[in-house]
Amino acid sequence: MKYVEQPFYVGLLSAAFLHGAAHQQPQQFQVVTTRPLREIKSKSLAIRFFVKKRFNNTRTVQIKTQTGFIPVSTPEATALDLIRYARAIGGLDRVLTILQELGETIQSPKLIEAVRADDNLAYAQRLGWLLERAGFPGTTGELAQWIHEKNPSPARLEPSLPIRGSKKDTRWRLFLNSEVESDL
C-alpha cells in the first residue's frame, strides 16, 4: 500500500479474521482508505478497497503478518465498519454472524471510544442492538447509556427498507424493519 501513497488499514471481514472472529477466511482482502482505488486481482489474491470519510478517527492496532506489521482496525472499530458497509459484505445477517465471534474481543470502554470517534448515532444504535442479539448484553450497557444521553431520533435497523409496520426497540431507538438471523 505504500506505493499508492495514502493511508490505509485492514478492515471489515479481513480485520475480523485477523482478530480471530471469522469462521471462514474472507475471499478478498479488505482495506479501508481515504480515496477510491480499483480492486486488485491476481490468481491468488484479491484486494477490495473501501473509502471512509472519517478515516483518521478510526482506532487501529499493528498486527504482525508474514510480510511485517500492518495497521488493522481494532475489534470495536471493525464492528462499526461492519455496520457501515453491511450491504457490501453480505448484509446484517452476516454482520450478526461475525459479531457472535468478534463480540468476545470487544471491550465496553473501547467501544464507547470508537463510537464517539466515529460520531454516527445510527451506526451505534444498530451495533448495540446487534451485539445484544449476538449474546453480549454485558458489553452494551455503557453504549446504551451513551445513546440515551444523546437522545437520537429512531433509526432504521435496515436503512434501505421502509418502517411501515415495524416494531420499535425503545432501548436502542430502532425501528426493527428487518428480520436478522445468524448463520451460526
Protein backbone atom coordinates (compact mmCIF):
# COMPACT_ATOMS: atom_id res chain seq x y z
CA MET A 1 0.00 0.00 0.00
CA LYS A 2 2.95 2.32 0.31
CA TYR A 3 3.12 2.62 -3.47
CA VAL A 4 -0.26 4.43 -3.64
CA GLU A 5 0.93 6.95 -1.05
CA GLN A 6 -2.21 7.14 1.02
CA PRO A 7 -3.17 5.96 4.50
CA PHE A 8 -4.91 2.61 4.92
CA TYR A 9 -5.86 -0.04 7.40
CA VAL A 10 -7.04 -3.62 7.07
CA GLY A 11 -10.72 -3.66 7.91
CA LEU A 12 -14.08 -5.39 7.76
CA LEU A 13 -14.02 -9.18 7.25
CA SER A 14 -10.22 -9.24 6.92
CA ALA A 15 -9.81 -7.45 10.25
CA ALA A 16 -12.40 -9.70 11.89
CA PHE A 17 -10.47 -12.72 10.63
CA LEU A 18 -7.18 -11.33 11.98
CA HIS A 19 -8.88 -10.80 15.36
CA GLY A 20 -9.93 -14.47 15.27
CA ALA A 21 -13.59 -13.80 14.59
CA ALA A 22 -14.40 -15.01 11.10
CA HIS A 23 -15.49 -18.62 10.95
CA GLN A 24 -14.25 -18.71 7.37
CA GLN A 25 -11.45 -16.82 5.67
CA PRO A 26 -12.66 -13.91 3.52
CA GLN A 27 -12.31 -14.46 -0.22
CA GLN A 28 -10.88 -10.99 -0.68
CA PHE A 29 -8.58 -8.84 1.41
CA GLN A 30 -10.50 -5.76 2.53
CA VAL A 31 -8.71 -2.45 3.01
CA VAL A 32 -10.13 0.89 4.14
CA THR A 33 -8.54 4.04 2.78
CA THR A 34 -9.19 7.72 2.14
CA ARG A 35 -9.91 7.75 -1.59
CA PRO A 36 -11.26 5.34 -4.21
CA LEU A 37 -8.95 2.71 -5.66
CA ARG A 38 -9.70 -0.05 -8.12
CA GLU A 39 -9.90 -3.59 -6.90
CA ILE A 40 -6.69 -5.56 -7.37
CA LYS A 41 -6.98 -9.16 -8.56
CA SER A 42 -4.42 -11.84 -9.24
CA LYS A 43 -4.63 -15.62 -9.27
CA SER A 44 -4.16 -15.96 -5.54
CA LEU A 45 -5.24 -12.59 -4.16
CA ALA A 46 -8.00 -10.01 -4.45
CA ILE A 47 -7.86 -6.69 -2.61
CA ARG A 48 -11.02 -4.61 -2.33
CA PHE A 49 -10.83 -1.01 -1.20
CA PHE A 50 -13.43 0.86 0.83
CA VAL A 51 -13.42 4.63 1.24
CA LYS A 52 -14.09 6.20 4.62
CA LYS A 53 -14.51 9.93 5.14
CA ARG A 54 -13.70 9.96 8.85
CA PHE A 55 -10.72 7.67 8.31
CA ASN A 56 -8.44 9.45 10.82
CA ASN A 57 -10.94 8.86 13.65
CA THR A 58 -10.64 5.08 13.35
CA ARG A 59 -8.62 3.29 16.03
CA THR A 60 -6.09 0.76 14.72
CA VAL A 61 -3.53 -1.68 16.09
CA GLN A 62 -0.39 -3.02 14.45
CA ILE A 63 -0.59 -6.75 13.76
CA LYS A 64 2.40 -8.82 12.67
CA THR A 65 1.98 -10.78 9.44
CA GLN A 66 4.39 -12.79 7.28
CA THR A 67 5.44 -9.59 5.50
CA GLY A 68 5.73 -7.31 8.53
CA PHE A 69 3.40 -5.18 10.61
CA ILE A 70 0.17 -3.80 9.16
CA PRO A 71 -2.44 -1.44 10.61
CA VAL A 72 -5.69 -3.24 11.41
CA SER A 73 -8.85 -1.69 12.83
CA THR A 74 -9.47 -2.56 16.48
CA PRO A 75 -12.27 -5.06 17.18
CA GLU A 76 -14.52 -2.15 18.21
CA ALA A 77 -13.76 -0.11 15.08
CA THR A 78 -14.14 -3.26 12.98
CA ALA A 79 -17.63 -3.79 14.40
CA LEU A 80 -18.62 -0.23 13.46
CA ASP A 81 -17.19 -0.62 9.97
CA LEU A 82 -19.13 -3.87 9.54
CA ILE A 83 -22.30 -1.87 10.24
CA ARG A 84 -21.23 0.97 7.92
CA TYR A 85 -20.51 -1.35 4.99
CA ALA A 86 -23.08 -4.06 5.79
CA ARG A 87 -24.59 -4.12 2.30
CA ALA A 88 -21.17 -4.54 0.68
CA ILE A 89 -20.21 -7.52 2.84
CA GLY A 90 -23.43 -9.53 2.72
CA GLY A 91 -25.97 -7.71 4.88
CA LEU A 92 -26.90 -7.56 8.54
CA ASP A 93 -27.26 -11.35 8.78
CA ARG A 94 -23.56 -11.70 8.01
CA VAL A 95 -22.69 -8.86 10.40
CA LEU A 96 -24.60 -10.63 13.20
CA THR A 97 -22.78 -13.89 12.48
CA ILE A 98 -19.39 -12.17 12.68
CA LEU A 99 -20.35 -10.25 15.84
CA GLN A 100 -21.14 -13.54 17.57
CA GLU A 101 -17.41 -14.27 17.39
CA LEU A 102 -15.94 -10.75 17.37
CA GLY A 103 -18.06 -9.78 20.39
CA GLU A 104 -15.76 -11.80 22.65
CA THR A 105 -12.91 -9.37 21.92
CA ILE A 106 -14.93 -6.13 22.20
CA GLN A 107 -14.37 -4.15 25.40
CA SER A 108 -17.06 -1.75 26.57
CA PRO A 109 -14.78 1.26 27.29
CA LYS A 110 -13.06 0.89 23.91
CA LEU A 111 -16.45 0.53 22.23
CA ILE A 112 -17.52 3.88 23.68
CA GLU A 113 -14.25 5.44 22.44
CA ALA A 114 -14.87 4.05 18.97
CA VAL A 115 -18.48 5.26 18.68
CA ARG A 116 -17.54 8.71 19.99
CA ALA A 117 -14.75 8.96 17.43
CA ASP A 118 -17.00 7.64 14.65
CA ASP A 119 -19.74 10.12 15.55
CA ASN A 120 -22.63 8.34 13.82
CA LEU A 121 -25.50 7.61 16.18
CA ALA A 122 -27.44 5.38 13.78
CA TYR A 123 -24.44 3.05 13.40
CA ALA A 124 -24.02 2.98 17.20
CA GLN A 125 -27.73 2.17 17.64
CA ARG A 126 -27.57 -0.69 15.13
CA LEU A 127 -24.34 -2.02 16.62
CA GLY A 128 -25.74 -2.03 20.15
CA TRP A 129 -28.85 -3.91 19.07
CA LEU A 130 -26.82 -6.45 17.06
CA LEU A 131 -24.30 -7.02 19.88
CA GLU A 132 -27.15 -7.77 22.27
CA ARG A 133 -28.68 -10.11 19.71
CA ALA A 134 -25.25 -11.76 19.29
CA GLY A 135 -25.21 -12.58 23.01
CA PHE A 136 -23.13 -9.76 24.50
CA PRO A 137 -25.54 -7.65 26.59
CA GLY A 138 -22.81 -7.02 29.18
CA THR A 139 -20.75 -5.20 26.57
CA THR A 140 -23.55 -2.84 25.57
CA GLY A 141 -24.62 -1.24 28.85
CA GLU A 142 -22.37 1.82 28.57
CA LEU A 143 -23.23 2.16 24.88
CA ALA A 144 -26.96 2.15 25.61
CA GLN A 145 -26.44 4.82 28.29
CA TRP A 146 -24.38 6.96 25.91
CA ILE A 147 -27.04 6.68 23.20
CA HIS A 148 -29.77 7.53 25.72
CA GLU A 149 -27.87 10.69 26.72
CA LYS A 150 -27.57 11.72 23.06
CA ASN A 151 -31.35 11.25 22.63
CA PRO A 152 -31.25 10.42 18.91
CA SER A 153 -34.21 10.07 16.61
CA PRO A 154 -35.20 6.47 15.99
CA ALA A 155 -33.14 4.92 13.19
CA ARG A 156 -33.98 2.04 10.89
CA LEU A 157 -32.28 -1.26 11.55
CA GLU A 158 -32.10 -1.78 7.79
CA PRO A 159 -31.66 1.69 6.25
CA SER A 160 -32.89 0.70 2.79
CA LEU A 161 -36.24 -0.71 3.95
CA PRO A 162 -39.41 1.17 4.93
CA ILE A 163 -40.52 1.33 8.57
CA ARG A 164 -44.23 0.74 7.95
CA GLY A 165 -45.47 -1.99 10.26
CA SER A 166 -42.15 -2.44 12.06
CA LYS A 167 -41.76 -2.69 15.83
CA LYS A 168 -39.72 -0.11 17.71
CA ASP A 169 -36.95 -1.08 20.12
CA THR A 170 -37.01 1.63 22.80
CA ARG A 171 -33.62 0.74 24.34
CA TRP A 172 -31.77 1.27 21.05
CA ARG A 173 -34.30 3.63 19.47
CA LEU A 174 -34.50 1.49 16.37
CA PHE A 175 -37.30 0.57 14.02
CA LEU A 176 -36.93 -3.19 13.64
CA ASN A 177 -37.86 -3.21 9.96
CA SER A 178 -35.94 -6.37 9.11
CA GLU A 179 -35.52 -9.88 10.47
CA VAL A 180 -31.85 -10.53 11.19
CA GLU A 181 -30.63 -14.11 11.60
CA SER A 182 -27.20 -15.56 12.22
CA ASP A 183 -25.63 -18.37 10.21
CA LEU A 184 -24.25 -19.95 13.40
